[in-house]
Amino acid sequence: MNWPVQEAEQRFSELIRSATTDGPQVVTHHGEEIAVVIDIAEYRRLRGEIVDFEDFLRSEPGLEDLDLTRSREVPRNLDWMV
């Protein structure tokens, strides 16, 4: 979607939300494309930054406090032959 600068300023929260849900959002000034607002994950992908899987998981809303520690318990032996 194209956003004139003035509309992008007035509806900034919606612009950001659209960038994260609908993809890149183009900002225009007098009909000329001047900027693109993109999701941070897309920005990092384009920059070639490698995102650690743990950081990726923690970046999701609601998963910031996710316990990702691995159990050090030795697994039990199972007899698969019945």
PDB file of N, CA and C in Angstrom:
ATOM      1  N   MET A   1       0.843  -1.185   0.000  1.00  0.00           N
ATOM      2  CA  MET A   1       0.000   0.000   0.000  1.00  0.00           C
ATOM      3  C   MET A   1       0.880   1.237   0.000  1.00  0.00           C
ATOM      4  N   ASN A   2       0.439   2.266  -0.666  1.00  0.00           N
ATOM      5  CA  ASN A   2       1.148   3.543  -0.664  1.00  0.00           C
ATOM      6  C   ASN A   2       0.554   4.459   0.395  1.00  0.00           C
ATOM      7  N   TRP A   3       1.431   5.102   1.149  1.00  0.00           N
ATOM      8  CA  TRP A   3       1.038   6.025   2.212  1.00  0.00           C
ATOM      9  C   TRP A   3       1.638   7.394   1.920  1.00  0.00           C
ATOM     10  N   PRO A   4       0.825   8.403   1.642  1.00  0.00           N
ATOM     11  CA  PRO A   4       1.374   9.759   1.574  1.00  0.00           C
ATOM     12  C   PRO A   4       2.000  10.119   2.930  1.00  0.00           C
ATOM     13  N   VAL A   5       3.056  10.904   2.903  1.00  0.00           N
ATOM     14  CA  VAL A   5       3.785  11.243   4.130  1.00  0.00           C
ATOM     15  C   VAL A   5       2.857  11.725   5.236  1.00  0.00           C
ATOM     16  N   GLN A   6       1.977  12.635   4.917  1.00  0.00           N
ATOM     17  CA  GLN A   6       1.098  13.196   5.942  1.00  0.00           C
ATOM     18  C   GLN A   6       0.223  12.105   6.559  1.00  0.00           C
ATOM     19  N   GLU A   7      -0.319  11.210   5.741  1.00  0.00           N
ATOM     20  CA  GLU A   7      -1.145  10.119   6.258  1.00  0.00           C
ATOM     21  C   GLU A   7      -0.301   9.138   7.067  1.00  0.00           C
ATOM     22  N   ALA A   8       0.913   8.884   6.611  1.00  0.00           N
ATOM     23  CA  ALA A   8       1.812   7.986   7.345  1.00  0.00           C
ATOM     24  C   ALA A   8       2.115   8.559   8.737  1.00  0.00           C
ATOM     25  N   GLU A   9       2.295   9.864   8.823  1.00  0.00           N
ATOM     26  CA  GLU A   9       2.542  10.508  10.109  1.00  0.00           C
ATOM     27  C   GLU A   9       1.328  10.398  11.026  1.00  0.00           C
ATOM     28  N   GLN A  10       0.159  10.671  10.473  1.00  0.00           N
ATOM     29  CA  GLN A  10      -1.065  10.666  11.272  1.00  0.00           C
ATOM     30  C   GLN A  10      -1.476   9.264  11.713  1.00  0.00           C
ATOM     31  N   ARG A  11      -1.161   8.262  10.917  1.00  0.00           N
ATOM     32  CA  ARG A  11      -1.595   6.894  11.210  1.00  0.00           C
ATOM     33  C   ARG A  11      -0.394   5.969  11.387  1.00  0.00           C
ATOM     34  N   PHE A  12       0.636   6.476  12.080  1.00  0.00           N
ATOM     35  CA  PHE A  12       1.901   5.761  12.208  1.00  0.00           C
ATOM     36  C   PHE A  12       1.723   4.358  12.780  1.00  0.00           C
ATOM     37  N   SER A  13       0.927   4.219  13.822  1.00  0.00           N
ATOM     38  CA  SER A  13       0.717   2.894  14.428  1.00  0.00           C
ATOM     39  C   SER A  13       0.129   1.916  13.419  1.00  0.00           C
ATOM     40  N   GLU A  14      -0.809   2.388  12.625  1.00  0.00           N
ATOM     41  CA  GLU A  14      -1.421   1.534  11.597  1.00  0.00           C
ATOM     42  C   GLU A  14      -0.403   1.181  10.510  1.00  0.00           C
ATOM     43  N   LEU A  15       0.448   2.142  10.159  1.00  0.00           N
ATOM     44  CA  LEU A  15       1.502   1.897   9.180  1.00  0.00           C
ATOM     45  C   LEU A  15       2.420   0.781   9.655  1.00  0.00           C
ATOM     46  N   ILE A  16       2.841   0.859  10.914  1.00  0.00           N
ATOM     47  CA  ILE A  16       3.726  -0.163  11.485  1.00  0.00           C
ATOM     48  C   ILE A  16       3.025  -1.513  11.513  1.00  0.00           C
ATOM     49  N   ARG A  17       1.785  -1.522  11.963  1.00  0.00           N
ATOM     50  CA  ARG A  17       1.014  -2.768  12.019  1.00  0.00           C
ATOM     51  C   ARG A  17       0.883  -3.387  10.628  1.00  0.00           C
ATOM     52  N   SER A  18       0.621  -2.570   9.639  1.00  0.00           N
ATOM     53  CA  SER A  18       0.501  -3.067   8.266  1.00  0.00           C
ATOM     54  C   SER A  18       1.825  -3.630   7.754  1.00  0.00           C
ATOM     55  N   ALA A  19       2.917  -3.006   8.127  1.00  0.00           N
ATOM     56  CA  ALA A  19       4.227  -3.504   7.699  1.00  0.00           C
ATOM     57  C   ALA A  19       4.516  -4.879   8.285  1.00  0.00           C
ATOM     58  N   THR A  20       4.054  -5.105   9.506  1.00  0.00           N
ATOM     59  CA  THR A  20       4.320  -6.403  10.135  1.00  0.00           C
ATOM     60  C   THR A  20       3.348  -7.484   9.690  1.00  0.00           C
ATOM     61  N   THR A  21       2.145  -7.108   9.274  1.00  0.00           N
ATOM     62  CA  THR A  21       1.163  -8.120   8.889  1.00  0.00           C
ATOM     63  C   THR A  21       0.985  -8.265   7.384  1.00  0.00           C
ATOM     64  N   ASP A  22       1.126  -7.165   6.642  1.00  0.00           N
ATOM     65  CA  ASP A  22       0.838  -7.191   5.208  1.00  0.00           C
ATOM     66  C   ASP A  22       2.071  -7.061   4.324  1.00  0.00           C
ATOM     67  N   GLY A  23       3.216  -6.824   4.911  1.00  0.00           N
ATOM     68  CA  GLY A  23       4.428  -6.676   4.115  1.00  0.00           C
ATOM     69  C   GLY A  23       4.839  -5.225   3.974  1.00  0.00           C
ATOM     70  N   PRO A  24       5.843  -4.974   3.137  1.00  0.00           N
ATOM     71  CA  PRO A  24       6.400  -3.632   2.982  1.00  0.00           C
ATOM     72  C   PRO A  24       5.344  -2.587   2.627  1.00  0.00           C
ATOM     73  N   GLN A  25       5.487  -1.403   3.231  1.00  0.00           N
ATOM     74  CA  GLN A  25       4.584  -0.274   3.018  1.00  0.00           C
ATOM     75  C   GLN A  25       5.392   0.880   2.426  1.00  0.00           C
ATOM     76  N   VAL A  26       4.936   1.403   1.305  1.00  0.00           N
ATOM     77  CA  VAL A  26       5.648   2.469   0.593  1.00  0.00           C
ATOM     78  C   VAL A  26       5.111   3.827   1.052  1.00  0.00           C
ATOM     79  N   VAL A  27       6.033   4.726   1.362  1.00  0.00           N
ATOM     80  CA  VAL A  27       5.675   6.100   1.746  1.00  0.00           C
ATOM     81  C   VAL A  27       5.997   6.998   0.554  1.00  0.00           C
ATOM     82  N   THR A  28       5.032   7.873   0.210  1.00  0.00           N
ATOM     83  CA  THR A  28       5.212   8.755  -0.946  1.00  0.00           C
ATOM     84  C   THR A  28       5.157  10.225  -0.527  1.00  0.00           C
ATOM     85  N   HIS A  29       5.784  11.056  -1.339  1.00  0.00           N
ATOM     86  CA  HIS A  29       5.754  12.511  -1.144  1.00  0.00           C
ATOM     87  C   HIS A  29       5.496  13.122  -2.516  1.00  0.00           C
ATOM     88  N   HIS A  30       4.351  13.774  -2.652  1.00  0.00           N
ATOM     89  CA  HIS A  30       3.926  14.331  -3.941  1.00  0.00           C
ATOM     90  C   HIS A  30       3.924  13.254  -5.025  1.00  0.00           C
ATOM     91  N   GLY A  31       3.476  12.047  -4.645  1.00  0.00           N
ATOM     92  CA  GLY A  31       3.370  10.948  -5.604  1.00  0.00           C
ATOM     93  C   GLY A  31       4.653  10.197  -5.876  1.00  0.00           C
ATOM     94  N   GLU A  32       5.778  10.658  -5.335  1.00  0.00           N
ATOM     95  CA  GLU A  32       7.074  10.012  -5.549  1.00  0.00           C
ATOM     96  C   GLU A  32       7.385   9.090  -4.366  1.00  0.00           C
ATOM     97  N   GLU A  33       7.754   7.850  -4.655  1.00  0.00           N
ATOM     98  CA  GLU A  33       8.116   6.911  -3.594  1.00  0.00           C
ATOM     99  C   GLU A  33       9.420   7.358  -2.954  1.00  0.00           C
ATOM    100  N   ILE A  34       9.380   7.550  -1.629  1.00  0.00           N
ATOM    101  CA  ILE A  34      10.573   8.061  -0.944  1.00  0.00           C
ATOM    102  C   ILE A  34      11.103   7.122   0.134  1.00  0.00           C
ATOM    103  N   ALA A  35      10.255   6.206   0.611  1.00  0.00           N
ATOM    104  CA  ALA A  35      10.690   5.322   1.684  1.00  0.00           C
ATOM    105  C   ALA A  35       9.828   4.069   1.697  1.00  0.00           C
ATOM    106  N   VAL A  36      10.355   3.046   2.359  1.00  0.00           N
ATOM    107  CA  VAL A  36       9.617   1.800   2.549  1.00  0.00           C
ATOM    108  C   VAL A  36       9.733   1.424   4.020  1.00  0.00           C
ATOM    109  N   VAL A  37       8.608   1.081   4.631  1.00  0.00           N
ATOM    110  CA  VAL A  37       8.593   0.614   6.012  1.00  0.00           C
ATOM    111  C   VAL A  37       8.423  -0.897   5.954  1.00  0.00           C
ATOM    112  N   ILE A  38       9.371  -1.615   6.581  1.00  0.00           N
ATOM    113  CA  ILE A  38       9.318  -3.073   6.568  1.00  0.00           C
ATOM    114  C   ILE A  38       9.431  -3.630   7.982  1.00  0.00           C
ATOM    115  N   ASP A  39       9.005  -4.866   8.141  1.00  0.00           N
ATOM    116  CA  ASP A  39       9.097  -5.588   9.400  1.00  0.00           C
ATOM    117  C   ASP A  39      10.574  -5.788   9.753  1.00  0.00           C
ATOM    118  N   ILE A  40      10.887  -5.788  11.043  1.00  0.00           N
ATOM    119  CA  ILE A  40      12.286  -5.913  11.481  1.00  0.00           C
ATOM    120  C   ILE A  40      12.908  -7.230  11.035  1.00  0.00           C
ATOM    121  N   ALA A  41      12.144  -8.304  11.004  1.00  0.00           N
ATOM    122  CA  ALA A  41      12.682  -9.597  10.557  1.00  0.00           C
ATOM    123  C   ALA A  41      13.087  -9.519   9.086  1.00  0.00           C
ATOM    124  N   GLU A  42      12.286  -8.854   8.281  1.00  0.00           N
ATOM    125  CA  GLU A  42      12.619  -8.682   6.861  1.00  0.00           C
ATOM    126  C   GLU A  42      13.855  -7.808   6.715  1.00  0.00           C
ATOM    127  N   TYR A  43      13.953  -6.774   7.507  1.00  0.00           N
ATOM    128  CA  TYR A  43      15.129  -5.900   7.493  1.00  0.00           C
ATOM    129  C   TYR A  43      16.395  -6.700   7.804  1.00  0.00           C
ATOM    130  N   ARG A  44      16.324  -7.505   8.850  1.00  0.00           N
ATOM    131  CA  ARG A  44      17.492  -8.313   9.233  1.00  0.00           C
ATOM    132  C   ARG A  44      17.832  -9.330   8.150  1.00  0.00           C
ATOM    133  N   ARG A  45      16.799  -9.914   7.518  1.00  0.00           N
ATOM    134  CA  ARG A  45      17.046 -10.871   6.442  1.00  0.00           C
ATOM    135  C   ARG A  45      17.747 -10.181   5.274  1.00  0.00           C
ATOM    136  N   LEU A  46      17.277  -8.996   4.918  1.00  0.00           N
ATOM    137  CA  LEU A  46      17.883  -8.261   3.822  1.00  0.00           C
ATOM    138  C   LEU A  46      19.318  -7.838   4.130  1.00  0.00           C
ATOM    139  N   ARG A  47      19.587  -7.546   5.365  1.00  0.00           N
ATOM    140  CA  ARG A  47      20.941  -7.151   5.787  1.00  0.00           C
ATOM    141  C   ARG A  47      21.880  -8.334   5.880  1.00  0.00           C
ATOM    142  N   GLY A  48      21.310  -9.541   5.841  1.00  0.00           N
ATOM    143  CA  GLY A  48      22.144 -10.732   5.941  1.00  0.00           C
ATOM    144  C   GLY A  48      22.515 -11.078   7.370  1.00  0.00           C
ATOM    145  N   GLU A  49      21.833 -10.463   8.322  1.00  0.00           N
ATOM    146  CA  GLU A  49      22.104 -10.764   9.723  1.00  0.00           C
ATOM    147  C   GLU A  49      21.539 -12.139  10.056  1.00  0.00           C
ATOM    148  N   ILE A  50      22.290 -12.891  10.802  1.00  0.00           N
ATOM    149  CA  ILE A  50      21.822 -14.206  11.229  1.00  0.00           C
ATOM    150  C   ILE A  50      21.163 -14.041  12.589  1.00  0.00           C
ATOM    151  N   VAL A  51      19.928 -14.480  12.680  1.00  0.00           N
ATOM    152  CA  VAL A  51      19.194 -14.381  13.931  1.00  0.00           C
ATOM    153  C   VAL A  51      19.258 -15.737  14.632  1.00  0.00           C
ATOM    154  N   ASP A  52      19.746 -15.727  15.853  1.00  0.00           N
ATOM    155  CA  ASP A  52      19.798 -16.933  16.662  1.00  0.00           C
ATOM    156  C   ASP A  52      18.376 -17.454  16.872  1.00  0.00           C
ATOM    157  N   PHE A  53      18.181 -18.766  16.759  1.00  0.00           N
ATOM    158  CA  PHE A  53      16.842 -19.336  16.874  1.00  0.00           C
ATOM    159  C   PHE A  53      16.189 -18.983  18.208  1.00  0.00           C
ATOM    160  N   GLU A  54      16.960 -19.007  19.276  1.00  0.00           N
ATOM    161  CA  GLU A  54      16.420 -18.655  20.596  1.00  0.00           C
ATOM    162  C   GLU A  54      15.939 -17.203  20.603  1.00  0.00           C
ATOM    163  N   ASP A  55      16.735 -16.304  20.045  1.00  0.00           N
ATOM    164  CA  ASP A  55      16.330 -14.897  19.969  1.00  0.00           C
ATOM    165  C   ASP A  55      15.093 -14.728  19.094  1.00  0.00           C
ATOM    166  N   PHE A  56      15.026 -15.502  18.010  1.00  0.00           N
ATOM    167  CA  PHE A  56      13.856 -15.459  17.143  1.00  0.00           C
ATOM    168  C   PHE A  56      12.604 -15.847  17.923  1.00  0.00           C
ATOM    169  N   LEU A  57      12.684 -16.946  18.687  1.00  0.00           N
ATOM    170  CA  LEU A  57      11.526 -17.376  19.473  1.00  0.00           C
ATOM    171  C   LEU A  57      11.137 -16.322  20.502  1.00  0.00           C
ATOM    172  N   ARG A  58      12.122 -15.781  21.180  1.00  0.00           N
ATOM    173  CA  ARG A  58      11.850 -14.789  22.217  1.00  0.00           C
ATOM    174  C   ARG A  58      11.322 -13.466  21.650  1.00  0.00           C
ATOM    175  N   SER A  59      11.520 -13.220  20.353  1.00  0.00           N
ATOM    176  CA  SER A  59      11.036 -11.977  19.752  1.00  0.00           C
ATOM    177  C   SER A  59       9.532 -11.999  19.504  1.00  0.00           C
ATOM    178  N   GLU A  60       8.923 -13.178  19.569  1.00  0.00           N
ATOM    179  CA  GLU A  60       7.485 -13.283  19.371  1.00  0.00           C
ATOM    180  C   GLU A  60       6.749 -12.774  20.604  1.00  0.00           C
ATOM    181  N   PRO A  61       5.718 -11.968  20.410  1.00  0.00           N
ATOM    182  CA  PRO A  61       4.949 -11.466  21.558  1.00  0.00           C
ATOM    183  C   PRO A  61       4.403 -12.620  22.399  1.00  0.00           C
ATOM    184  N   GLY A  62       4.593 -12.517  23.707  1.00  0.00           N
ATOM    185  CA  GLY A  62       4.096 -13.525  24.631  1.00  0.00           C
ATOM    186  C   GLY A  62       5.098 -14.630  24.928  1.00  0.00           C
ATOM    187  N   LEU A  63       6.215 -14.675  24.185  1.00  0.00           N
ATOM    188  CA  LEU A  63       7.203 -15.742  24.403  1.00  0.00           C
ATOM    189  C   LEU A  63       8.504 -15.222  25.022  1.00  0.00           C
ATOM    190  N   GLU A  64       8.488 -13.972  25.481  1.00  0.00           N
ATOM    191  CA  GLU A  64       9.708 -13.370  26.026  1.00  0.00           C
ATOM    192  C   GLU A  64      10.276 -14.165  27.201  1.00  0.00           C
ATOM    193  N   ASP A  65       9.395 -14.760  28.016  1.00  0.00           N
ATOM    194  CA  ASP A  65       9.836 -15.474  29.211  1.00  0.00           C
ATOM    195  C   ASP A  65       9.862 -16.988  29.019  1.00  0.00           C
ATOM    196  N   LEU A  66       9.864 -17.448  27.781  1.00  0.00           N
ATOM    197  CA  LEU A  66       9.862 -18.869  27.470  1.00  0.00           C
ATOM    198  C   LEU A  66      11.121 -19.533  28.018  1.00  0.00           C
ATOM    199  N   ASP A  67      10.943 -20.624  28.774  1.00  0.00           N
ATOM    200  CA  ASP A  67      12.082 -21.364  29.320  1.00  0.00           C
ATOM    201  C   ASP A  67      12.599 -22.321  28.262  1.00  0.00           C
ATOM    202  N   LEU A  68      13.802 -22.045  27.752  1.00  0.00           N
ATOM    203  CA  LEU A  68      14.376 -22.867  26.694  1.00  0.00           C
ATOM    204  C   LEU A  68      15.567 -23.685  27.184  1.00  0.00           C
ATOM    205  N   THR A  69      15.693 -23.842  28.503  1.00  0.00           N
ATOM    206  CA  THR A  69      16.792 -24.644  29.017  1.00  0.00           C
ATOM    207  C   THR A  69      16.512 -26.121  28.746  1.00  0.00           C
ATOM    208  N   ARG A  70      17.564 -26.850  28.430  1.00  0.00           N
ATOM    209  CA  ARG A  70      17.446 -28.261  28.099  1.00  0.00           C
ATOM    210  C   ARG A  70      17.651 -29.104  29.345  1.00  0.00           C
ATOM    211  N   SER A  71      16.804 -30.091  29.486  1.00  0.00           N
ATOM    212  CA  SER A  71      16.922 -30.994  30.624  1.00  0.00           C
ATOM    213  C   SER A  71      18.224 -31.781  30.511  1.00  0.00           C
ATOM    214  N   ARG A  72      18.904 -31.961  31.627  1.00  0.00           N
ATOM    215  CA  ARG A  72      20.156 -32.724  31.656  1.00  0.00           C
ATOM    216  C   ARG A  72      19.942 -34.138  32.196  1.00  0.00           C
ATOM    217  N   GLU A  73      18.675 -34.491  32.404  1.00  0.00           N
ATOM    218  CA  GLU A  73      18.372 -35.830  32.898  1.00  0.00           C
ATOM    219  C   GLU A  73      18.705 -36.872  31.835  1.00  0.00           C
ATOM    220  N   VAL A  74      19.192 -38.020  32.297  1.00  0.00           N
ATOM    221  CA  VAL A  74      19.488 -39.128  31.396  1.00  0.00           C
ATOM    222  C   VAL A  74      18.168 -39.808  31.054  1.00  0.00           C
ATOM    223  N   PRO A  75      17.922 -40.055  29.762  1.00  0.00           N
ATOM    224  CA  PRO A  75      16.660 -40.708  29.414  1.00  0.00           C
ATOM    225  C   PRO A  75      16.613 -42.135  29.949  1.00  0.00           C
ATOM    226  N   ARG A  76      15.425 -42.592  30.233  1.00  0.00           N
ATOM    227  CA  ARG A  76      15.272 -43.959  30.758  1.00  0.00           C
ATOM    228  C   ARG A  76      15.393 -44.962  29.619  1.00  0.00           C
ATOM    229  N   ASN A  77      15.814 -46.155  29.960  1.00  0.00           N
ATOM    230  CA  ASN A  77      15.899 -47.236  28.971  1.00  0.00           C
ATOM    231  C   ASN A  77      14.525 -47.823  28.750  1.00  0.00           C
ATOM    232  N   LEU A  78      14.181 -48.034  27.512  1.00  0.00           N
ATOM    233  CA  LEU A  78      12.886 -48.634  27.190  1.00  0.00           C
ATOM    234  C   LEU A  78      13.119 -49.956  26.478  1.00  0.00           C
ATOM    235  N   ASP A  79      12.314 -50.925  26.809  1.00  0.00           N
ATOM    236  CA  ASP A  79      12.385 -52.202  26.139  1.00  0.00           C
ATOM    237  C   ASP A  79      11.321 -52.194  25.045  1.00  0.00           C
ATOM    238  N   TRP A  80      11.764 -52.030  23.824  1.00  0.00           N
ATOM    239  CA  TRP A  80      10.834 -51.933  22.702  1.00  0.00           C
ATOM    240  C   TRP A  80      10.350 -53.300  22.213  1.00  0.00           C
ATOM    241  N   MET A  81      11.000 -54.337  22.656  1.00  0.00           N
ATOM    242  CA  MET A  81      10.608 -55.702  22.258  1.00  0.00           C
ATOM    243  C   MET A  81       9.539 -56.205  23.222  1.00  0.00           C
ATOM    244  N   VAL A  82       8.354 -56.384  22.742  1.00  0.00           N
ATOM    245  CA  VAL A  82       7.250 -56.832  23.594  1.00  0.00           C
ATOM    246  C   VAL A  82       6.967 -58.275  23.359  1.00  0.00           C
TER     247      VAL A  82
END
